[in-house]
C-alpha atoms as a PDB file:
ATOM      1  CA  MET A   1       7.381 -19.669  -0.536  1.00  0.00           C
ATOM      2  CA  LYS A   2       4.421 -19.274   1.822  1.00  0.00           C
ATOM      3  CA  ILE A   3       3.435 -15.691   2.557  1.00  0.00           C
ATOM      4  CA  ILE A   4       0.988 -14.000   4.909  1.00  0.00           C
ATOM      5  CA  SER A   5       0.277 -10.389   3.982  1.00  0.00           C
ATOM      6  CA  ILE A   6      -1.476  -7.812   6.166  1.00  0.00           C
ATOM      7  CA  GLU A   7      -2.665  -4.471   4.756  1.00  0.00           C
ATOM      8  CA  THR A   8      -3.736  -1.914   7.373  1.00  0.00           C
ATOM      9  CA  THR A   9      -2.768   1.497   6.004  1.00  0.00           C
ATOM     10  CA  THR A  10      -6.376   2.629   5.377  1.00  0.00           C
ATOM     11  CA  LYS A  11      -9.807   1.830   6.828  1.00  0.00           C
ATOM     12  CA  PHE A  12     -10.202  -0.711   3.989  1.00  0.00           C
ATOM     13  CA  GLY A  13      -7.933  -3.467   5.263  1.00  0.00           C
ATOM     14  CA  SER A  14      -7.194  -6.990   4.064  1.00  0.00           C
ATOM     15  CA  ILE A  15      -5.287 -10.147   4.914  1.00  0.00           C
ATOM     16  CA  ALA A  16      -4.017 -12.583   2.286  1.00  0.00           C
ATOM     17  CA  PHE A  17      -2.261 -15.943   2.174  1.00  0.00           C
ATOM     18  CA  LEU A  18      -0.108 -16.646  -0.886  1.00  0.00           C
ATOM     19  CA  GLU A  19       2.096 -19.455  -2.120  1.00  0.00           C
ATOM     20  CA  ASP A  20       4.780 -17.778  -4.194  1.00  0.00           C
ATOM     21  CA  LYS A  21       2.756 -15.125  -6.029  1.00  0.00           C
ATOM     22  CA  PHE A  22      -0.456 -17.142  -6.216  1.00  0.00           C
ATOM     23  CA  ILE A  23      -3.277 -15.931  -3.984  1.00  0.00           C
ATOM     24  CA  LYS A  24      -4.763 -18.810  -1.986  1.00  0.00           C
ATOM     25  CA  LYS A  25      -7.088 -16.757   0.187  1.00  0.00           C
ATOM     26  CA  GLU A  26      -7.839 -13.102   0.823  1.00  0.00           C
ATOM     27  CA  VAL A  27     -10.317 -11.441   3.167  1.00  0.00           C
ATOM     28  CA  PHE A  28     -11.329  -7.777   3.253  1.00  0.00           C
ATOM     29  CA  PHE A  29     -12.750  -5.533   5.936  1.00  0.00           C
ATOM     30  CA  GLU A  30     -13.795  -1.922   6.419  1.00  0.00           C
ATOM     31  CA  SER A  31     -13.400  -0.739   9.978  1.00  0.00           C
ATOM     32  CA  SER A  32     -11.852   1.805  12.299  1.00  0.00           C
ATOM     33  CA  ASP A  33     -11.075  -1.122  14.653  1.00  0.00           C
ATOM     34  CA  ILE A  34      -8.103  -2.598  12.776  1.00  0.00           C
ATOM     35  CA  ALA A  35      -6.906  -4.697  15.730  1.00  0.00           C
ATOM     36  CA  GLY A  36     -10.338  -6.236  16.221  1.00  0.00           C
ATOM     37  CA  GLU A  37     -10.666  -7.082  12.532  1.00  0.00           C
ATOM     38  CA  ILE A  38      -7.245  -8.778  12.409  1.00  0.00           C
ATOM     39  CA  VAL A  39      -8.130 -10.923  15.422  1.00  0.00           C
ATOM     40  CA  GLU A  40     -11.522 -11.767  13.918  1.00  0.00           C
ATOM     41  CA  LYS A  41      -9.925 -12.841  10.621  1.00  0.00           C
ATOM     42  CA  LEU A  42      -7.268 -15.007  12.281  1.00  0.00           C
ATOM     43  CA  ASP A  43      -8.564 -18.105  10.500  1.00  0.00           C
ATOM     44  CA  ILE A  44      -6.436 -17.054   7.503  1.00  0.00           C
ATOM     45  CA  ILE A  45      -3.263 -17.029   9.609  1.00  0.00           C
ATOM     46  CA  TYR A  46      -1.282 -20.205   9.053  1.00  0.00           C
ATOM     47  CA  ASP A  47       1.418 -21.479  11.390  1.00  0.00           C
ATOM     48  CA  ASP A  48       3.588 -22.551   8.462  1.00  0.00           C
ATOM     49  CA  PHE A  49       4.816 -19.461   6.611  1.00  0.00           C
ATOM     50  CA  ASP A  50       8.124 -18.134   5.310  1.00  0.00           C
ATOM     51  CA  TYR A  51       7.395 -14.411   5.425  1.00  0.00           C
ATOM     52  CA  ILE A  52       4.829 -12.022   6.795  1.00  0.00           C
ATOM     53  CA  ILE A  53       4.352  -8.905   4.676  1.00  0.00           C
ATOM     54  CA  VAL A  54       3.361  -5.503   6.043  1.00  0.00           C
ATOM     55  CA  SER A  55       3.132  -1.998   4.613  1.00  0.00           C
ATOM     56  CA  ASN A  56       4.847   1.002   6.207  1.00  0.00           C
ATOM     57  CA  GLY A  57       2.424   3.412   4.530  1.00  0.00           C
ATOM     58  CA  PRO A  58       1.929   6.169   4.055  1.00  0.00           C
ATOM     59  CA  GLY A  59      -1.425   5.983   5.779  1.00  0.00           C
ATOM     60  CA  SER A  60      -3.221   5.604   9.071  1.00  0.00           C
ATOM     61  CA  TRP A  61      -0.992   6.071  12.127  1.00  0.00           C
ATOM     62  CA  THR A  62      -2.991   3.522  14.118  1.00  0.00           C
ATOM     63  CA  GLY A  63      -3.372   1.022  11.271  1.00  0.00           C
ATOM     64  CA  ILE A  64       0.303   0.938  10.282  1.00  0.00           C
ATOM     65  CA  ARG A  65       1.475   0.693  13.888  1.00  0.00           C
ATOM     66  CA  LEU A  66      -0.937  -2.172  14.613  1.00  0.00           C
ATOM     67  CA  GLY A  67      -0.024  -4.041  11.417  1.00  0.00           C
ATOM     68  CA  ILE A  68       3.712  -3.884  12.133  1.00  0.00           C
ATOM     69  CA  SER A  69       3.221  -4.766  15.819  1.00  0.00           C
ATOM     70  CA  PHE A  70       1.051  -7.737  14.901  1.00  0.00           C
ATOM     71  CA  ALA A  71       3.676  -8.978  12.432  1.00  0.00           C
ATOM     72  CA  LYS A  72       6.413  -8.687  15.062  1.00  0.00           C
ATOM     73  CA  GLY A  73       4.329 -10.741  17.472  1.00  0.00           C
ATOM     74  CA  LEU A  74       3.592 -13.380  14.858  1.00  0.00           C
ATOM     75  CA  VAL A  75       7.266 -14.022  14.061  1.00  0.00           C
ATOM     76  CA  LEU A  76       8.180 -14.297  17.762  1.00  0.00           C
ATOM     77  CA  GLY A  77      11.143 -11.973  17.476  1.00  0.00           C
ATOM     78  CA  ASN A  78      12.520 -13.337  14.196  1.00  0.00           C
ATOM     79  CA  LYS A  79      12.416 -10.059  12.239  1.00  0.00           C
ATOM     80  CA  ASP A  80      14.068 -11.704   9.227  1.00  0.00           C
ATOM     81  CA  LYS A  81      10.649 -13.202   8.475  1.00  0.00           C
ATOM     82  CA  ILE A  82       9.060  -9.729   8.160  1.00  0.00           C
ATOM     83  CA  TYR A  83       9.205  -8.030   4.775  1.00  0.00           C
ATOM     84  CA  CYS A  84       7.946  -4.484   4.342  1.00  0.00           C
ATOM     85  CA  VAL A  85       6.653  -2.705   1.244  1.00  0.00           C
ATOM     86  CA  ASN A  86       5.088   0.726   0.830  1.00  0.00           C
ATOM     87  CA  LEU A  87       1.768   1.731  -0.663  1.00  0.00           C
ATOM     88  CA  PHE A  88       3.225   3.388  -3.758  1.00  0.00           C
ATOM     89  CA  GLU A  89       5.290   0.445  -4.987  1.00  0.00           C
ATOM     90  CA  SER A  90       2.376  -1.902  -4.357  1.00  0.00           C
ATOM     91  CA  LEU A  91      -0.125   0.105  -6.424  1.00  0.00           C
ATOM     92  CA  PHE A  92       2.435   0.928  -9.117  1.00  0.00           C
ATOM     93  CA  TYR A  93       3.299  -2.764  -9.443  1.00  0.00           C
ATOM     94  CA  SER A  94      -0.307  -3.423 -10.453  1.00  0.00           C
ATOM     95  CA  ILE A  95       0.087  -1.070 -13.443  1.00  0.00           C
ATOM     96  CA  LYS A  96       3.713  -1.901 -14.276  1.00  0.00           C
ATOM     97  CA  ASP A  97       2.926  -2.938 -17.861  1.00  0.00           C
ATOM     98  CA  LEU A  98       1.067   0.280 -18.729  1.00  0.00           C
ATOM     99  CA  LYS A  99       2.858   3.147 -20.432  1.00  0.00           C
ATOM    100  CA  ASP A 100       0.602   5.993 -19.266  1.00  0.00           C
ATOM    101  CA  LYS A 101       1.507   8.519 -16.575  1.00  0.00           C
ATOM    102  CA  PHE A 102       0.075   7.866 -13.115  1.00  0.00           C
ATOM    103  CA  LEU A 103       0.009   9.921  -9.952  1.00  0.00           C
ATOM    104  CA  CYS A 104      -0.601   8.081  -6.684  1.00  0.00           C
ATOM    105  CA  ILE A 105      -1.996  10.306  -3.925  1.00  0.00           C
ATOM    106  CA  VAL A 106      -2.332   9.689  -0.168  1.00  0.00           C
ATOM    107  CA  PRO A 107      -3.819  12.146   2.375  1.00  0.00           C
ATOM    108  CA  PHE A 108      -1.254  13.632   4.765  1.00  0.00           C
ATOM    109  CA  VAL A 109      -2.672  16.395   6.998  1.00  0.00           C
ATOM    110  CA  LYS A 110      -5.339  19.034   6.319  1.00  0.00           C
ATOM    111  CA  ASP A 111      -4.779  20.208   2.738  1.00  0.00           C
ATOM    112  CA  LYS A 112      -1.493  18.365   2.192  1.00  0.00           C
ATOM    113  CA  PHE A 113      -0.819  15.061   0.464  1.00  0.00           C
ATOM    114  CA  TYR A 114       1.896  12.489  -0.133  1.00  0.00           C
ATOM    115  CA  PHE A 115       2.370  11.689  -3.800  1.00  0.00           C
ATOM    116  CA  SER A 116       4.564   9.701  -6.123  1.00  0.00           C
ATOM    117  CA  GLU A 117       4.747   9.409  -9.913  1.00  0.00           C
ATOM    118  CA  PHE A 118       4.796   6.433 -12.251  1.00  0.00           C
ATOM    119  CA  LYS A 119       5.883   7.134 -15.822  1.00  0.00           C
ATOM    120  CA  GLY A 120       5.636   3.745 -17.476  1.00  0.00           C
ATOM    121  CA  ARG A 121       8.665   2.008 -16.021  1.00  0.00           C
ATOM    122  CA  PHE A 122       8.787  -0.224 -12.956  1.00  0.00           C
ATOM    123  CA  ASN A 123      12.164  -0.876 -11.324  1.00  0.00           C
ATOM    124  CA  TYR A 124      12.199  -3.456  -8.533  1.00  0.00           C
ATOM    125  CA  LYS A 125      15.469  -2.162  -7.094  1.00  0.00           C
ATOM    126  CA  LYS A 126      14.743   1.553  -7.203  1.00  0.00           C
ATOM    127  CA  SER A 127      12.254   3.032  -4.742  1.00  0.00           C
ATOM    128  CA  PHE A 128       9.710   5.536  -5.992  1.00  0.00           C
ATOM    129  CA  LYS A 129      10.266   9.031  -4.599  1.00  0.00           C
ATOM    130  CA  ILE A 130       7.716   9.972  -1.955  1.00  0.00           C
ATOM    131  CA  LYS A 131       7.009  13.705  -1.825  1.00  0.00           C
ATOM    132  CA  LYS A 132       4.700  16.001   0.132  1.00  0.00           C
ATOM    133  CA  ILE A 133       2.636  18.615  -1.644  1.00  0.00           C
ATOM    134  CA  GLY A 134      -0.011  21.244  -0.864  1.00  0.00           C
ATOM    135  CA  ILE A 135      -3.430  21.086  -2.484  1.00  0.00           C
ATOM    136  CA  ASN A 136      -2.903  24.122  -4.756  1.00  0.00           C
ATOM    137  CA  GLN A 137       0.315  22.714  -6.207  1.00  0.00           C
ATOM    138  CA  LEU A 138      -1.309  19.310  -6.593  1.00  0.00           C
ATOM    139  CA  ILE A 139      -4.303  20.711  -8.479  1.00  0.00           C
ATOM    140  CA  SER A 140      -1.911  22.651 -10.722  1.00  0.00           C
ATOM    141  CA  ILE A 141      -0.036  19.443 -11.611  1.00  0.00           C
ATOM    142  CA  ILE A 142      -3.272  17.541 -12.239  1.00  0.00           C
ATOM    143  CA  LYS A 143      -4.624  20.248 -14.553  1.00  0.00           C
ATOM    144  CA  LYS A 144      -1.338  20.698 -16.415  1.00  0.00           C
ATOM    145  CA  ASP A 145      -0.335  17.069 -16.990  1.00  0.00           C
ATOM    146  CA  GLU A 146      -2.285  14.104 -18.319  1.00  0.00           C
ATOM    147  CA  TYR A 147      -2.079  11.838 -15.298  1.00  0.00           C
ATOM    148  CA  PHE A 148      -4.323   8.991 -14.292  1.00  0.00           C
ATOM    149  CA  LEU A 149      -4.940   9.349 -10.563  1.00  0.00           C
ATOM    150  CA  ILE A 150      -4.822   6.399  -8.172  1.00  0.00           C
ATOM    151  CA  GLY A 151      -4.522   5.921  -4.415  1.00  0.00           C
ATOM    152  CA  PRO A 152      -6.637   6.690  -1.328  1.00  0.00           C
ATOM    153  CA  GLY A 153      -6.088  10.446  -1.642  1.00  0.00           C
ATOM    154  CA  VAL A 154      -8.149  10.692  -4.837  1.00  0.00           C
ATOM    155  CA  LEU A 155     -11.468  10.739  -2.996  1.00  0.00           C
ATOM    156  CA  SER A 156     -10.128  13.409  -0.606  1.00  0.00           C
ATOM    157  CA  LEU A 157      -9.771  15.726  -3.606  1.00  0.00           C
ATOM    158  CA  LYS A 158     -13.565  16.070  -3.731  1.00  0.00           C
ATOM    159  CA  GLU A 159     -13.295  18.928  -1.226  1.00  0.00           C
ATOM    160  CA  PHE A 160     -11.113  20.927  -3.613  1.00  0.00           C
ATOM    161  CA  ILE A 161     -11.817  19.865  -7.215  1.00  0.00           C
ATOM    162  CA  ASN A 162     -14.505  18.159  -9.300  1.00  0.00           C
ATOM    163  CA  VAL A 163     -13.138  14.603  -9.259  1.00  0.00           C
ATOM    164  CA  GLU A 164     -15.559  13.506 -11.977  1.00  0.00           C
ATOM    165  CA  LYS A 165     -13.703  15.709 -14.475  1.00  0.00           C
ATOM    166  CA  ILE A 166     -10.294  14.132 -13.889  1.00  0.00           C
ATOM    167  CA  LYS A 167      -8.911  10.795 -15.017  1.00  0.00           C
ATOM    168  CA  LYS A 168      -8.912   8.259 -12.214  1.00  0.00           C
ATOM    169  CA  ILE A 169      -8.964   4.493 -11.833  1.00  0.00           C
ATOM    170  CA  ASP A 170     -11.519   3.629  -9.163  1.00  0.00           C
ATOM    171  CA  PHE A 171     -10.408   0.042  -8.535  1.00  0.00           C
ATOM    172  CA  LEU A 172      -6.897   1.254  -7.639  1.00  0.00           C
ATOM    173  CA  LEU A 173      -7.884   3.663  -4.901  1.00  0.00           C
ATOM    174  CA  TYR A 174      -6.869   1.377  -2.048  1.00  0.00           C
ATOM    175  CA  PRO A 175      -3.975  -1.060  -1.525  1.00  0.00           C
ATOM    176  CA  ARG A 176      -4.588  -4.801  -1.096  1.00  0.00           C
ATOM    177  CA  ALA A 177      -2.793  -7.392   0.982  1.00  0.00           C
ATOM    178  CA  SER A 178      -2.499  -9.696  -2.043  1.00  0.00           C
ATOM    179  CA  LEU A 179      -0.765  -6.992  -4.121  1.00  0.00           C
ATOM    180  CA  ASN A 180       1.626  -6.304  -1.251  1.00  0.00           C
ATOM    181  CA  GLY A 181       2.371 -10.033  -1.051  1.00  0.00           C
ATOM    182  CA  ILE A 182       3.047 -10.351  -4.778  1.00  0.00           C
ATOM    183  CA  ILE A 183       5.436  -7.397  -5.000  1.00  0.00           C
ATOM    184  CA  ALA A 184       7.200  -8.619  -1.841  1.00  0.00           C
ATOM    185  CA  TYR A 185       7.622 -12.086  -3.376  1.00  0.00           C
ATOM    186  CA  GLU A 186       9.135 -10.600  -6.547  1.00  0.00           C
ATOM    187  CA  LYS A 187      11.566  -8.477  -4.516  1.00  0.00           C
ATOM    188  CA  ILE A 188      12.550 -11.291  -2.143  1.00  0.00           C
ATOM    189  CA  LYS A 189      13.210 -13.528  -5.145  1.00  0.00           C
ATOM    190  CA  ARG A 190      15.551 -10.842  -6.493  1.00  0.00           C
ATOM    191  CA  LYS A 191      17.290 -10.542  -3.092  1.00  0.00           C
ATOM    192  CA  ILE A 192      16.174  -6.928  -2.690  1.00  0.00           C
ATOM    193  CA  LYS A 193      16.157  -5.598   0.855  1.00  0.00           C
ATOM    194  CA  SER A 194      12.920  -4.912   2.691  1.00  0.00           C
ATOM    195  CA  GLN A 195      11.683  -1.371   3.155  1.00  0.00           C
ATOM    196  CA  SER A 196      12.257   0.030   6.639  1.00  0.00           C
ATOM    197  CA  LEU A 197       9.718  -0.910   9.306  1.00  0.00           C
ATOM    198  CA  GLU A 198       9.636   2.774  10.253  1.00  0.00           C
ATOM    199  CA  PRO A 199       6.073   3.926   9.509  1.00  0.00           C
ATOM    200  CA  ILE A 200       5.307   6.734   7.075  1.00  0.00           C
ATOM    201  CA  TYR A 201       2.334   8.325   8.775  1.00  0.00           C
ATOM    202  CA  GLY A 202      -0.389  10.077   6.891  1.00  0.00           C
ATOM    203  CA  LYS A 203      -3.980  10.889   7.696  1.00  0.00           C
END
């Protein structure tokens, strides 16, 4: 199975080409001009692919919309070739063999966040619950429970709490196109339906 994966939910974007779940090439970029970066990195886009993978967020309104629109254009109307994942399942897949408790956080608006919990068990068929929470409630949960924190919202906590005193995993702050591609491959192989292409907008 040949897969192109585009990750545009944050300012740290990436594009990857995979064969089954093996990464053949991946490029990264940091930019507010997501559309320009995708066009510039088009050398990774292959004509021969089975699926194009996108993320519906939560994350940047502009980035998600552009990623999904680009995918629709690439498949020339054949939406069966688009497979969608969300940020939480992608990052949780990367820690699926760990038995610790993880909290994935994504900025929403002002002092509100999206969050989802991982408690040591990954289920391909069952979606992780996506909830919204205010900063005071979030800080209360962090202080009360022994969570490792991951996701792009962790750095946003600096305004409200001393991040250096909490448990976080720095290399899992942002999603990657390759991770999205791998989890999509595993779900497609299990005949699990794609997530909705309806974006989950954040900050």
